[in-house]
Structure formats: structure tokens, C-alpha cells
Amino acid sequence: MQERINNCVSRVIGESAGTRGEGAYLIDIKVKGKGNSRKIEILMDADIGIRIHQCAYMSRRIREQIEGDDELLEMIGENFDLIVSSPGLGEPIIIPRQYIRHVGKLLQVTYTGPDGEPVELAGHLQDVSLSDESGSHIVIMPEKNKKRGQQPKTEAITLYLNQVIRAVPEAEL
């Protein structure tokens, strides 16, 4: 069922060029509940951030696709809830493409250090390279200590995505 829903979403995304849904991409799909109380949660984003009208547009098109597939509709049940939304602030980054929209923003990153132990770092995302799985990396400029006085010079840190355990966009105050 999950794969069939994924296919419906992929079809809608593919057909959205030149429409209100253009630029949106899939992050995650969750199907919860059983029988007549199914809930389908679809998490989407865009490189410049997804807008509410895009979520509404995608929700309508995805519902049409699901309701047009009799076999899928029978698996899900006719009375299902469909929620299409974007990741909220404080939600971890799930797929590499999400880093693009967070360039210049503050991230809380946990990564595997040289000794194999987890290291925590707060800093601004400076650059993203999504070339291939082994070479994809992000560049973080660590936040300076808020205390007054002599500050040591900080240099940007390059982290390969296979080192990153968790990255969470943070609000800046």
C-alpha cells in the first residue's frame, strides 16, 4: 500500500510542472490506523520552502489519484484522512535535498567525530554539495561563543553526509 501511495504522489509531483505544485518534492509518507480510520500523512518541501497553497494543491491532486485507483482505495478504505504538510521548525532533516533550503540558517548538527564518538555542533549552514552519496557534504560555520572578550578564530567545518547523525534547523533569536 505504501508503495502504491508513493507512486500516486510521484505521479502528481511529475505532473505539477507549470502549476501551483511546481518545485515540491516528497520527504516522507506515513500511513496510520486500520480499516475506516486510516490517516495518510505526506511530508513535502521545496528548495525555497513550500507554501500552504502548494500543500493544498498537492493534497487535492493526491486525493484525486488515490480515489481514481479502485484497488488502492479498497486497500485504504473510502473514509481516509489525507494530510499534506511541510516539516516544521525543529524537525530533523530527513533527506539530503532539504539542506538546500537551509543554507544561511542555523542548524544543530550531531555528527560522528574522528574518534567515532558523536559530536554536537551549532552553526550556520554555509554550503551544500549533493554530488553523489560518498562525496555529498555540507559546510557549517560554528556559532561564536556569546561571551565577551577575545574570541578564537573559527573556521568552517566540512561534514560529509554519511558523518551526519542528525541535523535540525533552529530558530534564531
C-alpha atoms as a PDB file:
ATOM      1  CA  MET A   1       0.000   0.000   0.000  1.00  0.00           C
ATOM      2  CA  GLN A   2       2.811   2.390   0.926  1.00  0.00           C
ATOM      3  CA  GLU A   3       4.441   1.861  -2.469  1.00  0.00           C
ATOM      4  CA  ARG A   4       1.151   2.498  -4.294  1.00  0.00           C
ATOM      5  CA  ILE A   5       0.640   5.751  -2.391  1.00  0.00           C
ATOM      6  CA  ASN A   6       4.250   6.694  -3.141  1.00  0.00           C
ATOM      7  CA  ASN A   7       3.548   6.093  -6.855  1.00  0.00           C
ATOM      8  CA  CYS A   8       0.468   8.347  -6.691  1.00  0.00           C
ATOM      9  CA  VAL A   9       2.481  11.122  -5.030  1.00  0.00           C
ATOM     10  CA  SER A  10       5.342  10.733  -7.536  1.00  0.00           C
ATOM     11  CA  ARG A  11       2.859  10.969 -10.427  1.00  0.00           C
ATOM     12  CA  VAL A  12       1.337  14.168  -9.008  1.00  0.00           C
ATOM     13  CA  ILE A  13       4.795  15.689  -8.482  1.00  0.00           C
ATOM     14  CA  GLY A  14       5.752  14.754 -12.037  1.00  0.00           C
ATOM     15  CA  GLU A  15       2.602  16.349 -13.435  1.00  0.00           C
ATOM     16  CA  SER A  16       2.957  19.522 -11.350  1.00  0.00           C
ATOM     17  CA  ALA A  17       5.405  21.315 -13.676  1.00  0.00           C
ATOM     18  CA  GLY A  18       3.933  24.699 -14.571  1.00  0.00           C
ATOM     19  CA  THR A  19       1.302  24.505 -11.820  1.00  0.00           C
ATOM     20  CA  ARG A  20       0.953  25.638  -8.222  1.00  0.00           C
ATOM     21  CA  GLY A  21       2.708  22.479  -7.079  1.00  0.00           C
ATOM     22  CA  GLU A  22       5.858  23.060  -9.121  1.00  0.00           C
ATOM     23  CA  GLY A  23       9.109  22.573  -7.221  1.00  0.00           C
ATOM     24  CA  ALA A  24       7.645  20.413  -4.450  1.00  0.00           C
ATOM     25  CA  TYR A  25       9.333  17.145  -3.555  1.00  0.00           C
ATOM     26  CA  LEU A  26       8.457  14.225  -1.296  1.00  0.00           C
ATOM     27  CA  ILE A  27      10.157  13.765   2.047  1.00  0.00           C
ATOM     28  CA  ASP A  28       8.144  11.050   3.780  1.00  0.00           C
ATOM     29  CA  ILE A  29       4.840   9.148   3.784  1.00  0.00           C
ATOM     30  CA  LYS A  30       3.251   7.624   6.873  1.00  0.00           C
ATOM     31  CA  VAL A  31       0.107   5.514   6.876  1.00  0.00           C
ATOM     32  CA  LYS A  32      -1.517   5.131  10.276  1.00  0.00           C
ATOM     33  CA  GLY A  33      -4.600   3.354  11.542  1.00  0.00           C
ATOM     34  CA  LYS A  34      -6.654   0.482  10.183  1.00  0.00           C
ATOM     35  CA  GLY A  35      -9.870  -0.027   8.257  1.00  0.00           C
ATOM     36  CA  ASN A  36     -12.090   3.052   8.126  1.00  0.00           C
ATOM     37  CA  SER A  37      -9.853   5.169  10.343  1.00  0.00           C
ATOM     38  CA  ARG A  38      -6.770   5.416   8.116  1.00  0.00           C
ATOM     39  CA  LYS A  39      -4.668   8.521   8.167  1.00  0.00           C
ATOM     40  CA  ILE A  40      -2.158   9.251   5.395  1.00  0.00           C
ATOM     41  CA  GLU A  41       0.457  11.847   6.303  1.00  0.00           C
ATOM     42  CA  ILE A  42       2.598  13.173   3.468  1.00  0.00           C
ATOM     43  CA  LEU A  43       5.551  15.418   4.229  1.00  0.00           C
ATOM     44  CA  MET A  44       6.692  17.633   1.336  1.00  0.00           C
ATOM     45  CA  ASP A  45       9.063  20.542   0.833  1.00  0.00           C
ATOM     46  CA  ALA A  46      10.555  22.722  -1.906  1.00  0.00           C
ATOM     47  CA  ASP A  47      14.041  24.160  -2.366  1.00  0.00           C
ATOM     48  CA  ILE A  48      12.773  27.644  -1.449  1.00  0.00           C
ATOM     49  CA  GLY A  49      10.310  26.361   1.151  1.00  0.00           C
ATOM     50  CA  ILE A  50       6.859  25.020   0.379  1.00  0.00           C
ATOM     51  CA  ARG A  51       3.848  27.309   0.709  1.00  0.00           C
ATOM     52  CA  ILE A  52       0.449  26.439   2.135  1.00  0.00           C
ATOM     53  CA  HIS A  53      -1.260  26.866  -1.245  1.00  0.00           C
ATOM     54  CA  GLN A  54       1.177  24.312  -2.678  1.00  0.00           C
ATOM     55  CA  CYS A  55       0.309  21.828   0.087  1.00  0.00           C
ATOM     56  CA  ALA A  56      -3.412  22.364  -0.591  1.00  0.00           C
ATOM     57  CA  TYR A  57      -2.908  21.907  -4.341  1.00  0.00           C
ATOM     58  CA  MET A  58      -0.892  18.727  -3.839  1.00  0.00           C
ATOM     59  CA  SER A  59      -3.428  17.392  -1.352  1.00  0.00           C
ATOM     60  CA  ARG A  60      -6.272  17.807  -3.865  1.00  0.00           C
ATOM     61  CA  ARG A  61      -4.300  16.157  -6.693  1.00  0.00           C
ATOM     62  CA  ILE A  62      -3.104  13.264  -4.492  1.00  0.00           C
ATOM     63  CA  ARG A  63      -6.644  12.639  -3.230  1.00  0.00           C
ATOM     64  CA  GLU A  64      -7.854  12.545  -6.851  1.00  0.00           C
ATOM     65  CA  GLN A  65      -5.143   9.997  -7.725  1.00  0.00           C
ATOM     66  CA  ILE A  66      -5.966   7.785  -4.747  1.00  0.00           C
ATOM     67  CA  GLU A  67      -9.719   7.944  -5.345  1.00  0.00           C
ATOM     68  CA  GLY A  68      -9.152   7.172  -9.034  1.00  0.00           C
ATOM     69  CA  ASP A  69      -7.312   3.940  -8.182  1.00  0.00           C
ATOM     70  CA  ASP A  70     -10.082   1.489  -7.204  1.00  0.00           C
ATOM     71  CA  GLU A  71      -7.668  -1.178  -5.960  1.00  0.00           C
ATOM     72  CA  LEU A  72      -5.752   1.282  -3.756  1.00  0.00           C
ATOM     73  CA  LEU A  73      -8.968   2.841  -2.487  1.00  0.00           C
ATOM     74  CA  GLU A  74     -10.197  -0.615  -1.489  1.00  0.00           C
ATOM     75  CA  MET A  75      -6.958  -1.205   0.492  1.00  0.00           C
ATOM     76  CA  ILE A  76      -7.127   2.179   2.236  1.00  0.00           C
ATOM     77  CA  GLY A  77     -10.886   2.430   2.698  1.00  0.00           C
ATOM     78  CA  GLU A  78     -13.077   5.225   1.385  1.00  0.00           C
ATOM     79  CA  ASN A  79     -13.088   7.170   4.626  1.00  0.00           C
ATOM     80  CA  PHE A  80      -9.439   8.200   5.000  1.00  0.00           C
ATOM     81  CA  ASP A  81      -7.764  11.378   6.192  1.00  0.00           C
ATOM     82  CA  LEU A  82      -5.080  12.873   3.981  1.00  0.00           C
ATOM     83  CA  ILE A  83      -2.668  15.414   5.438  1.00  0.00           C
ATOM     84  CA  VAL A  84      -0.076  17.092   3.216  1.00  0.00           C
ATOM     85  CA  SER A  85       2.277  19.354   5.149  1.00  0.00           C
ATOM     86  CA  SER A  86       5.805  20.678   5.380  1.00  0.00           C
ATOM     87  CA  PRO A  87       8.370  19.883   8.060  1.00  0.00           C
ATOM     88  CA  GLY A  88       8.073  22.314  10.925  1.00  0.00           C
ATOM     89  CA  LEU A  89      10.855  24.218  12.607  1.00  0.00           C
ATOM     90  CA  GLY A  90      12.752  21.900  14.894  1.00  0.00           C
ATOM     91  CA  GLU A  91      12.019  18.842  12.743  1.00  0.00           C
ATOM     92  CA  PRO A  92      15.159  16.944  11.712  1.00  0.00           C
ATOM     93  CA  ILE A  93      16.323  16.929   8.113  1.00  0.00           C
ATOM     94  CA  ILE A  94      15.394  13.574   6.590  1.00  0.00           C
ATOM     95  CA  ILE A  95      16.651  13.693   3.000  1.00  0.00           C
ATOM     96  CA  PRO A  96      19.786  15.422   1.652  1.00  0.00           C
ATOM     97  CA  ARG A  97      17.864  17.768  -0.667  1.00  0.00           C
ATOM     98  CA  GLN A  98      16.377  19.510   2.383  1.00  0.00           C
ATOM     99  CA  TYR A  99      19.764  21.047   3.194  1.00  0.00           C
ATOM    100  CA  ILE A 100      19.475  23.316   0.138  1.00  0.00           C
ATOM    101  CA  ARG A 101      16.663  25.407   1.593  1.00  0.00           C
ATOM    102  CA  HIS A 102      18.512  25.836   4.899  1.00  0.00           C
ATOM    103  CA  VAL A 103      21.660  27.489   3.500  1.00  0.00           C
ATOM    104  CA  GLY A 104      22.439  30.517   5.680  1.00  0.00           C
ATOM    105  CA  LYS A 105      20.305  29.229   8.543  1.00  0.00           C
ATOM    106  CA  LEU A 106      21.233  27.943  11.984  1.00  0.00           C
ATOM    107  CA  LEU A 107      21.453  24.157  12.366  1.00  0.00           C
ATOM    108  CA  GLN A 108      22.048  21.929  15.368  1.00  0.00           C
ATOM    109  CA  VAL A 109      24.098  19.041  13.996  1.00  0.00           C
ATOM    110  CA  THR A 110      25.181  15.794  15.607  1.00  0.00           C
ATOM    111  CA  TYR A 111      27.877  14.017  13.639  1.00  0.00           C
ATOM    112  CA  THR A 112      30.390  11.214  14.021  1.00  0.00           C
ATOM    113  CA  GLY A 113      33.760  12.703  15.024  1.00  0.00           C
ATOM    114  CA  PRO A 114      37.193  11.396  14.050  1.00  0.00           C
ATOM    115  CA  ASP A 115      37.239   9.103  17.097  1.00  0.00           C
ATOM    116  CA  GLY A 116      33.846   7.604  16.196  1.00  0.00           C
ATOM    117  CA  GLU A 117      32.045   9.393  19.025  1.00  0.00           C
ATOM    118  CA  PRO A 118      29.043  11.686  18.422  1.00  0.00           C
ATOM    119  CA  VAL A 119      29.890  15.403  18.366  1.00  0.00           C
ATOM    120  CA  GLU A 120      27.347  18.237  18.669  1.00  0.00           C
ATOM    121  CA  LEU A 121      27.733  21.471  16.760  1.00  0.00           C
ATOM    122  CA  ALA A 122      25.570  24.573  16.340  1.00  0.00           C
ATOM    123  CA  GLY A 123      26.322  26.747  13.364  1.00  0.00           C
ATOM    124  CA  HIS A 124      25.149  28.329  10.151  1.00  0.00           C
ATOM    125  CA  LEU A 125      24.939  26.200   7.044  1.00  0.00           C
ATOM    126  CA  GLN A 126      27.264  27.843   4.521  1.00  0.00           C
ATOM    127  CA  ASP A 127      27.245  25.458   1.565  1.00  0.00           C
ATOM    128  CA  VAL A 128      25.749  22.197   0.321  1.00  0.00           C
ATOM    129  CA  SER A 129      27.116  19.814  -2.300  1.00  0.00           C
ATOM    130  CA  LEU A 130      24.913  16.892  -3.287  1.00  0.00           C
ATOM    131  CA  SER A 131      27.199  15.400  -5.931  1.00  0.00           C
ATOM    132  CA  ASP A 132      26.941  11.708  -5.053  1.00  0.00           C
ATOM    133  CA  GLU A 133      26.453   9.575  -1.971  1.00  0.00           C
ATOM    134  CA  SER A 134      30.110   9.407  -0.972  1.00  0.00           C
ATOM    135  CA  GLY A 135      31.044  12.999  -1.864  1.00  0.00           C
ATOM    136  CA  SER A 136      27.920  14.845  -0.705  1.00  0.00           C
ATOM    137  CA  HIS A 137      28.769  17.268   2.056  1.00  0.00           C
ATOM    138  CA  ILE A 138      27.710  20.373   3.965  1.00  0.00           C
ATOM    139  CA  VAL A 139      29.830  23.239   5.253  1.00  0.00           C
ATOM    140  CA  ILE A 140      28.977  24.651   8.706  1.00  0.00           C
ATOM    141  CA  MET A 141      30.336  27.844  10.264  1.00  0.00           C
ATOM    142  CA  PRO A 142      30.248  27.191  14.038  1.00  0.00           C
ATOM    143  CA  GLU A 143      28.460  29.780  16.159  1.00  0.00           C
ATOM    144  CA  LYS A 144      30.729  32.047  18.137  1.00  0.00           C
ATOM    145  CA  ASN A 145      30.632  31.968  21.908  1.00  0.00           C
ATOM    146  CA  LYS A 146      28.306  34.700  23.179  1.00  0.00           C
ATOM    147  CA  LYS A 147      30.714  35.730  25.959  1.00  0.00           C
ATOM    148  CA  ARG A 148      32.591  38.995  25.570  1.00  0.00           C
ATOM    149  CA  GLY A 149      36.314  39.182  25.216  1.00  0.00           C
ATOM    150  CA  GLN A 150      38.852  37.654  22.900  1.00  0.00           C
ATOM    151  CA  GLN A 151      37.222  35.180  20.529  1.00  0.00           C
ATOM    152  CA  PRO A 152      39.291  32.459  18.904  1.00  0.00           C
ATOM    153  CA  LYS A 153      39.035  32.447  15.117  1.00  0.00           C
ATOM    154  CA  THR A 154      36.603  29.842  13.924  1.00  0.00           C
ATOM    155  CA  GLU A 155      36.841  28.070  10.616  1.00  0.00           C
ATOM    156  CA  ALA A 156      34.100  26.420   8.624  1.00  0.00           C
ATOM    157  CA  ILE A 157      33.732  22.688   9.124  1.00  0.00           C
ATOM    158  CA  THR A 158      33.026  20.352   6.197  1.00  0.00           C
ATOM    159  CA  LEU A 159      30.929  17.332   7.082  1.00  0.00           C
ATOM    160  CA  TYR A 160      30.193  14.508   4.685  1.00  0.00           C
ATOM    161  CA  LEU A 161      26.550  13.473   4.849  1.00  0.00           C
ATOM    162  CA  ASN A 162      27.495   9.938   5.881  1.00  0.00           C
ATOM    163  CA  GLN A 163      29.022  11.512   9.053  1.00  0.00           C
ATOM    164  CA  VAL A 164      25.827  13.396   9.958  1.00  0.00           C
ATOM    165  CA  ILE A 165      23.711  11.569  12.508  1.00  0.00           C
ATOM    166  CA  ARG A 166      21.068  14.270  12.899  1.00  0.00           C
ATOM    167  CA  ALA A 167      20.626  17.846  11.671  1.00  0.00           C
ATOM    168  CA  VAL A 168      17.847  20.083  12.969  1.00  0.00           C
ATOM    169  CA  PRO A 169      17.094  23.626  11.758  1.00  0.00           C
ATOM    170  CA  GLU A 170      16.851  26.001  14.723  1.00  0.00           C
ATOM    171  CA  ALA A 171      15.124  29.350  15.235  1.00  0.00           C
ATOM    172  CA  GLU A 172      17.426  32.328  15.512  1.00  0.00           C
ATOM    173  CA  LEU A 173      16.695  34.781  18.281  1.00  0.00           C
END
